[in-house]
């Protein structure tokens, strides 16, 4: 995403994230975060639910980083919860489509459902951000959601992966599709100096809770 237009964040994504922040932190907590990030002028009103890309990556990543810094050790957990809530906001906006998908997936194995939901997320991201390089990789019983030009950690530098919102969103999407609690682990992150952000999930489901290894 090199051009000015390609480097922007869709209004709908900002909207869903802001609504999720309100849900997790409350109205006052969300307002305080927006003010601390110095985005209260740009976000004076809730963005419309469309794919127009007018907000900058820097603003989106900075908003999330402000939450992480403000809440300290609790920051990653809170961002993960915001990612999960973002998924439910999207589901509530499309009840008919989601209901149909759920009925179709009921005929599939959990492993098939995981692959389907990850491909659906990737397809949506590609449609919203055509210049983004994003793909699904399968190896040794694991699937990896891989993304370059990540807007969640855009411009950040960190000794460890920081895309907590992304892992929360993906893990909740998998839970919605499979009704199983499956950990999603970020094993590479551009903020940590890697070439891409990589979120890994084990598709060999043997129990309700699975701990992933790199």
Foldseek 3Di string as FASTA:
>chain_A
DPDPQLQFFFLQVQLLLLVLCCVLLNPVRSCVLCVVLVNCVVPVDRGDNDLRGDHGLVSQQSSLVSQCVVVPPCSLVSLLSSLLSSLVVVCVVCVPVVVVVLVVLVPDDLLVLLVVLLVVVVVVVCVSNVPKDWDWDDDDQKIKTKTASDSNNPPAADCDARNSSVQSNSQNSSCVNRVARWGWDWPDPVNNVDRIIIIMTGSPDDDRYDDDDD
